[in-house]
C-alpha atoms as a PDB file:
ATOM      1  CA  MET A   1      -0.140  -0.085  -0.252  1.00  0.00           C
ATOM      2  CA  ASN A   2       1.432   3.513  -0.993  1.00  0.00           C
ATOM      3  CA  ARG A   3       2.020   6.720   1.108  1.00  0.00           C
ATOM      4  CA  LEU A   4      -1.457   8.197  -0.340  1.00  0.00           C
ATOM      5  CA  SER A   5      -3.523   4.939   0.158  1.00  0.00           C
ATOM      6  CA  ARG A   6      -2.378   5.097   3.866  1.00  0.00           C
ATOM      7  CA  LEU A   7      -3.036   8.779   4.310  1.00  0.00           C
ATOM      8  CA  VAL A   8      -6.838   8.088   2.748  1.00  0.00           C
ATOM      9  CA  ILE A   9      -7.429   5.167   5.095  1.00  0.00           C
ATOM     10  CA  SER A  10      -6.297   7.023   8.302  1.00  0.00           C
ATOM     11  CA  ILE A  11      -8.305  10.530   7.378  1.00  0.00           C
ATOM     12  CA  ALA A  12     -11.290   8.518   6.651  1.00  0.00           C
ATOM     13  CA  LEU A  13     -10.589   5.882  10.051  1.00  0.00           C
ATOM     14  CA  LEU A  14     -10.717   9.258  11.986  1.00  0.00           C
ATOM     15  CA  ALA A  15     -13.547  10.585  10.582  1.00  0.00           C
ATOM     16  CA  ALA A  16     -15.676   7.761  11.579  1.00  0.00           C
ATOM     17  CA  LEU A  17     -14.242   8.064  15.236  1.00  0.00           C
ATOM     18  CA  PHE A  18     -14.839  11.501  15.497  1.00  0.00           C
ATOM     19  CA  VAL A  19     -17.741  12.390  12.841  1.00  0.00           C
ATOM     20  CA  ILE A  20     -19.722   9.174  12.414  1.00  0.00           C
ATOM     21  CA  ALA A  21     -19.521   7.387  15.481  1.00  0.00           C
ATOM     22  CA  PRO A  22     -21.796   9.097  18.606  1.00  0.00           C
ATOM     23  CA  ASN A  23     -19.926  10.224  21.328  1.00  0.00           C
ATOM     24  CA  VAL A  24     -20.700   6.794  23.527  1.00  0.00           C
ATOM     25  CA  ALA A  25     -18.228   6.556  26.510  1.00  0.00           C
ATOM     26  CA  GLY A  26     -15.033   4.917  26.022  1.00  0.00           C
ATOM     27  CA  ARG A  27     -15.144   5.295  22.485  1.00  0.00           C
ATOM     28  CA  ILE A  28     -13.923   8.669  22.823  1.00  0.00           C
ATOM     29  CA  PRO A  29     -11.778  10.226  25.254  1.00  0.00           C
ATOM     30  CA  ALA A  30     -13.532  13.135  26.979  1.00  0.00           C
ATOM     31  CA  ALA A  31     -10.694  15.413  26.214  1.00  0.00           C
ATOM     32  CA  LEU A  32     -11.137  15.031  22.367  1.00  0.00           C
ATOM     33  CA  ALA A  33     -14.869  14.974  22.510  1.00  0.00           C
ATOM     34  CA  VAL A  34     -16.394  17.989  20.809  1.00  0.00           C
ATOM     35  CA  ASP A  35     -19.584  19.437  22.258  1.00  0.00           C
ATOM     36  CA  ALA A  36     -22.136  21.482  19.618  1.00  0.00           C
ATOM     37  CA  VAL A  37     -21.600  24.914  19.912  1.00  0.00           C
ATOM     38  CA  THR A  38     -24.706  26.221  21.793  1.00  0.00           C
ATOM     39  CA  GLU A  39     -25.539  30.075  22.470  1.00  0.00           C
ATOM     40  CA  ASP A  40     -26.332  30.877  25.976  1.00  0.00           C
ATOM     41  CA  LEU A  41     -29.511  32.216  26.186  1.00  0.00           C
ATOM     42  CA  VAL A  42     -28.959  33.613  30.052  1.00  0.00           C
ATOM     43  CA  TYR A  43     -26.426  35.731  28.817  1.00  0.00           C
ATOM     44  CA  THR A  44     -27.995  36.899  25.715  1.00  0.00           C
ATOM     45  CA  ALA A  45     -30.953  37.675  27.408  1.00  0.00           C
ATOM     46  CA  ASN A  46     -29.128  39.805  30.182  1.00  0.00           C
ATOM     47  CA  VAL A  47     -26.896  41.584  27.218  1.00  0.00           C
ATOM     48  CA  GLY A  48     -30.078  42.405  25.250  1.00  0.00           C
ATOM     49  CA  SER A  49     -31.885  44.285  27.811  1.00  0.00           C
ATOM     50  CA  THR A  50     -28.739  46.119  28.259  1.00  0.00           C
ATOM     51  CA  LEU A  51     -27.966  47.383  24.606  1.00  0.00           C
ATOM     52  CA  ASN A  52     -30.636  49.266  22.400  1.00  0.00           C
ATOM     53  CA  SER A  53     -28.630  49.632  19.176  1.00  0.00           C
ATOM     54  CA  THR A  54     -26.193  48.049  17.240  1.00  0.00           C
ATOM     55  CA  ALA A  55     -23.103  46.642  19.058  1.00  0.00           C
ATOM     56  CA  ARG A  56     -19.680  47.273  16.859  1.00  0.00           C
ATOM     57  CA  ALA A  57     -16.626  46.154  19.275  1.00  0.00           C
ATOM     58  CA  THR A  58     -15.924  43.713  21.962  1.00  0.00           C
ATOM     59  CA  ALA A  59     -13.196  43.307  24.318  1.00  0.00           C
ATOM     60  CA  LEU A  60     -12.221  40.761  26.486  1.00  0.00           C
ATOM     61  CA  GLN A  61     -11.186  42.468  30.386  1.00  0.00           C
ATOM     62  CA  THR A  62      -8.363  39.989  32.518  1.00  0.00           C
ATOM     63  CA  ASP A  63     -11.257  39.504  35.002  1.00  0.00           C
ATOM     64  CA  GLY A  64     -13.707  37.722  32.902  1.00  0.00           C
ATOM     65  CA  LYS A  65     -16.054  40.854  31.903  1.00  0.00           C
ATOM     66  CA  VAL A  66     -16.324  42.097  28.720  1.00  0.00           C
ATOM     67  CA  LEU A  67     -16.951  45.652  27.174  1.00  0.00           C
ATOM     68  CA  VAL A  68     -19.129  46.293  24.017  1.00  0.00           C
ATOM     69  CA  GLY A  69     -18.779  49.487  22.129  1.00  0.00           C
ATOM     70  CA  GLY A  70     -21.351  50.577  19.437  1.00  0.00           C
ATOM     71  CA  ALA A  71     -24.147  52.688  18.336  1.00  0.00           C
ATOM     72  CA  PHE A  72     -26.150  52.626  21.430  1.00  0.00           C
ATOM     73  CA  SER A  73     -27.017  54.817  24.283  1.00  0.00           C
ATOM     74  CA  GLY A  74     -23.714  56.162  25.905  1.00  0.00           C
ATOM     75  CA  PHE A  75     -21.871  53.981  23.408  1.00  0.00           C
ATOM     76  CA  LEU A  76     -19.639  51.773  25.665  1.00  0.00           C
ATOM     77  CA  ARG A  77     -20.702  49.447  28.346  1.00  0.00           C
ATOM     78  CA  ARG A  78     -19.084  46.826  30.317  1.00  0.00           C
ATOM     79  CA  MET A  79     -21.256  43.367  31.116  1.00  0.00           C
ATOM     80  CA  ASN A  80     -20.443  41.353  33.813  1.00  0.00           C
ATOM     81  CA  VAL A  81     -19.408  37.454  33.245  1.00  0.00           C
ATOM     82  CA  ASP A  82     -23.290  36.778  33.265  1.00  0.00           C
ATOM     83  CA  GLY A  83     -24.241  39.870  30.803  1.00  0.00           C
ATOM     84  CA  THR A  84     -25.556  41.497  33.067  1.00  0.00           C
ATOM     85  CA  ALA A  85     -24.612  45.336  32.862  1.00  0.00           C
ATOM     86  CA  ASP A  86     -21.757  46.493  35.239  1.00  0.00           C
ATOM     87  CA  THR A  87     -23.229  49.461  37.483  1.00  0.00           C
ATOM     88  CA  ALA A  88     -20.005  50.121  38.712  1.00  0.00           C
ATOM     89  CA  PHE A  89     -18.828  50.902  35.147  1.00  0.00           C
ATOM     90  CA  ASN A  90     -19.245  54.779  34.288  1.00  0.00           C
ATOM     91  CA  THR A  91     -22.516  54.880  32.263  1.00  0.00           C
ATOM     92  CA  ASN A  92     -21.970  58.199  31.516  1.00  0.00           C
ATOM     93  CA  ALA A  93     -19.316  57.490  29.191  1.00  0.00           C
ATOM     94  CA  ALA A  94     -21.262  59.563  26.212  1.00  0.00           C
ATOM     95  CA  ALA A  95     -19.840  62.154  27.729  1.00  0.00           C
ATOM     96  CA  VAL A  96     -16.117  61.232  26.994  1.00  0.00           C
ATOM     97  CA  LEU A  97     -17.062  59.374  23.750  1.00  0.00           C
ATOM     98  CA  THR A  98     -18.406  61.473  20.886  1.00  0.00           C
ATOM     99  CA  SER A  99     -20.200  58.847  19.086  1.00  0.00           C
ATOM    100  CA  THR A 100     -20.248  55.319  18.112  1.00  0.00           C
ATOM    101  CA  VAL A 101     -17.611  52.990  19.059  1.00  0.00           C
ATOM    102  CA  MET A 102     -16.127  50.942  16.320  1.00  0.00           C
ATOM    103  CA  GLY A 103     -13.253  49.763  18.343  1.00  0.00           C
ATOM    104  CA  VAL A 104     -11.851  49.002  21.848  1.00  0.00           C
ATOM    105  CA  ALA A 105      -8.798  47.458  23.277  1.00  0.00           C
ATOM    106  CA  VAL A 106      -7.806  46.780  26.762  1.00  0.00           C
ATOM    107  CA  GLN A 107      -4.049  48.064  27.868  1.00  0.00           C
ATOM    108  CA  SER A 108      -1.737  46.261  30.372  1.00  0.00           C
ATOM    109  CA  ASP A 109      -2.774  48.633  33.309  1.00  0.00           C
ATOM    110  CA  GLY A 110      -6.400  48.148  32.847  1.00  0.00           C
ATOM    111  CA  LYS A 111      -7.066  51.069  31.002  1.00  0.00           C
ATOM    112  CA  ILE A 112      -9.401  51.029  27.895  1.00  0.00           C
ATOM    113  CA  VAL A 113      -8.499  52.607  24.656  1.00  0.00           C
ATOM    114  CA  ALA A 114     -11.990  53.268  22.482  1.00  0.00           C
ATOM    115  CA  VAL A 115     -12.075  54.687  18.477  1.00  0.00           C
ATOM    116  CA  GLY A 116     -14.654  55.480  16.560  1.00  0.00           C
ATOM    117  CA  GLY A 117     -16.665  58.540  15.459  1.00  0.00           C
ATOM    118  CA  THR A 118     -19.414  59.841  13.082  1.00  0.00           C
ATOM    119  CA  GLN A 119     -18.864  59.795   9.715  1.00  0.00           C
ATOM    120  CA  GLY A 120     -18.852  63.226   8.233  1.00  0.00           C
ATOM    121  CA  VAL A 121     -18.443  64.776  11.825  1.00  0.00           C
ATOM    122  CA  ALA A 122     -15.493  63.178  13.566  1.00  0.00           C
ATOM    123  CA  GLY A 123     -13.147  60.121  14.425  1.00  0.00           C
ATOM    124  CA  TYR A 124     -11.740  60.139  17.992  1.00  0.00           C
ATOM    125  CA  VAL A 125      -8.986  58.425  19.915  1.00  0.00           C
ATOM    126  CA  ARG A 126      -9.897  58.036  23.695  1.00  0.00           C
ATOM    127  CA  ARG A 127      -8.788  56.397  27.043  1.00  0.00           C
ATOM    128  CA  LEU A 128     -10.722  55.934  29.768  1.00  0.00           C
ATOM    129  CA  ASN A 129      -9.903  54.833  33.080  1.00  0.00           C
ATOM    130  CA  ALA A 130     -10.450  51.117  34.032  1.00  0.00           C
ATOM    131  CA  ASP A 131     -14.009  52.091  36.146  1.00  0.00           C
ATOM    132  CA  GLY A 132     -15.029  54.039  32.413  1.00  0.00           C
ATOM    133  CA  THR A 133     -13.931  57.849  33.808  1.00  0.00           C
ATOM    134  CA  SER A 134     -12.174  59.786  31.622  1.00  0.00           C
ATOM    135  CA  ASP A 135      -8.261  59.190  31.399  1.00  0.00           C
ATOM    136  CA  THR A 136      -7.424  63.208  31.105  1.00  0.00           C
ATOM    137  CA  ALA A 137      -3.690  62.412  31.300  1.00  0.00           C
ATOM    138  CA  PHE A 138      -4.344  61.142  27.691  1.00  0.00           C
ATOM    139  CA  ASN A 139      -3.000  63.726  24.819  1.00  0.00           C
ATOM    140  CA  THR A 140      -6.548  63.332  22.376  1.00  0.00           C
ATOM    141  CA  THR A 141      -5.449  66.804  20.475  1.00  0.00           C
ATOM    142  CA  VAL A 142      -2.568  66.071  18.893  1.00  0.00           C
ATOM    143  CA  ALA A 143      -3.591  63.579  16.494  1.00  0.00           C
ATOM    144  CA  SER A 144      -6.590  65.064  14.365  1.00  0.00           C
ATOM    145  CA  TYR A 145      -8.750  62.600  12.333  1.00  0.00           C
ATOM    146  CA  GLY A 146     -10.628  64.915  10.483  1.00  0.00           C
ATOM    147  CA  THR A 147     -14.035  64.077   9.235  1.00  0.00           C
ATOM    148  CA  THR A 148     -13.075  60.688   9.109  1.00  0.00           C
ATOM    149  CA  LEU A 149     -14.009  57.517  11.136  1.00  0.00           C
ATOM    150  CA  VAL A 150     -11.053  55.631  13.148  1.00  0.00           C
ATOM    151  CA  TRP A 151     -12.169  51.776  12.791  1.00  0.00           C
ATOM    152  CA  ALA A 152      -9.833  49.725  14.970  1.00  0.00           C
ATOM    153  CA  VAL A 153      -7.487  49.719  17.571  1.00  0.00           C
ATOM    154  CA  VAL A 154      -4.774  47.372  18.924  1.00  0.00           C
ATOM    155  CA  ILE A 155      -2.392  47.567  21.796  1.00  0.00           C
ATOM    156  CA  GLN A 156       1.484  46.700  21.175  1.00  0.00           C
ATOM    157  CA  THR A 157       3.524  45.182  24.107  1.00  0.00           C
ATOM    158  CA  SER A 158       5.484  48.430  24.119  1.00  0.00           C
ATOM    159  CA  GLY A 159       2.400  49.959  25.202  1.00  0.00           C
ATOM    160  CA  LYS A 160       1.836  52.293  21.991  1.00  0.00           C
ATOM    161  CA  ILE A 161      -1.355  52.323  20.245  1.00  0.00           C
ATOM    162  CA  LEU A 162      -2.070  51.776  16.590  1.00  0.00           C
ATOM    163  CA  VAL A 163      -5.212  52.572  15.304  1.00  0.00           C
ATOM    164  CA  GLY A 164      -6.393  52.479  11.524  1.00  0.00           C
ATOM    165  CA  GLY A 165      -9.109  54.031   9.499  1.00  0.00           C
ATOM    166  CA  GLU A 166     -10.070  56.319   7.159  1.00  0.00           C
ATOM    167  CA  PHE A 167      -8.226  59.395   7.802  1.00  0.00           C
ATOM    168  CA  SER A 168      -4.657  60.191   5.548  1.00  0.00           C
ATOM    169  CA  GLY A 169      -2.297  57.351   6.162  1.00  0.00           C
ATOM    170  CA  TYR A 170      -4.760  55.047   7.377  1.00  0.00           C
ATOM    171  CA  LEU A 171      -2.947  53.751  10.219  1.00  0.00           C
ATOM    172  CA  ARG A 172      -1.111  55.602  12.953  1.00  0.00           C
ATOM    173  CA  ARG A 173       0.665  54.348  16.232  1.00  0.00           C
ATOM    174  CA  LEU A 174       0.301  56.451  19.437  1.00  0.00           C
ATOM    175  CA  ASN A 175       2.900  57.046  21.797  1.00  0.00           C
ATOM    176  CA  THR A 176       1.241  55.489  25.688  1.00  0.00           C
ATOM    177  CA  ASN A 177       0.324  59.562  26.257  1.00  0.00           C
ATOM    178  CA  GLY A 178      -1.714  59.815  23.035  1.00  0.00           C
ATOM    179  CA  SER A 179       0.584  61.880  21.330  1.00  0.00           C
ATOM    180  CA  VAL A 180       1.458  60.955  17.285  1.00  0.00           C
ATOM    181  CA  ASP A 181       4.388  58.370  17.305  1.00  0.00           C
ATOM    182  CA  THR A 182       6.456  60.420  14.304  1.00  0.00           C
ATOM    183  CA  ALA A 183       9.288  57.211  14.236  1.00  0.00           C
ATOM    184  CA  PHE A 184       6.267  55.354  12.823  1.00  0.00           C
ATOM    185  CA  ASN A 185       5.994  55.416   9.087  1.00  0.00           C
END
C-alpha cells in the first residue's frame, strides 16, 4: 500500500471515529470529545436588555468582564460575566465618547482605549480609566482625524497604540500618552 492510500484510510478512520460514531463513553476520550456550540440564552437575554442598538466592538478584560462598544446609548458598556450590565462602570461614557465606538482595546494596566466617530462629523481616539471615567492624562488633541472614522485599535506589547481608519495614511501609532509616534512610518 502506498503512502497516499494510507493517508486516505487514516483520514477516513479519523472521520468515522470523530464524526460518524456517536460520543459514547469509552469510544472517544472525554478530552477529545467536541460538544456542539450552543448559545448561552441567559447571557444573551441579559445583554439584550442592556443594549438598545448595534454593537460594533468587544474586548475581554482580565477579570472576565466584557466591554461592548457600539451605536447604543452611552456608546460603551461593561458586562459582567453573566451578561448583566456592570453598574460600577461609568454609564455616562457618552460625555467622554462623542459617538459610535468602532473599536475597543484594554491596556495591560486596565485602562481602556476606544476609537470611533460619526462619518462626516469627527473621528476620535479616547482613553478611559478602568472604571469608565475619562483619562485626562491621555492627549487626544495631537492626532487629527478630521471628519473620518477611526475603525480599529490594537495595543502593542510596548504599550503603544495602533489605530486604523479612513484618515490620511490609514494607520497611526500613538505613544502611551496619546501623542503621535513620529518614528512610525
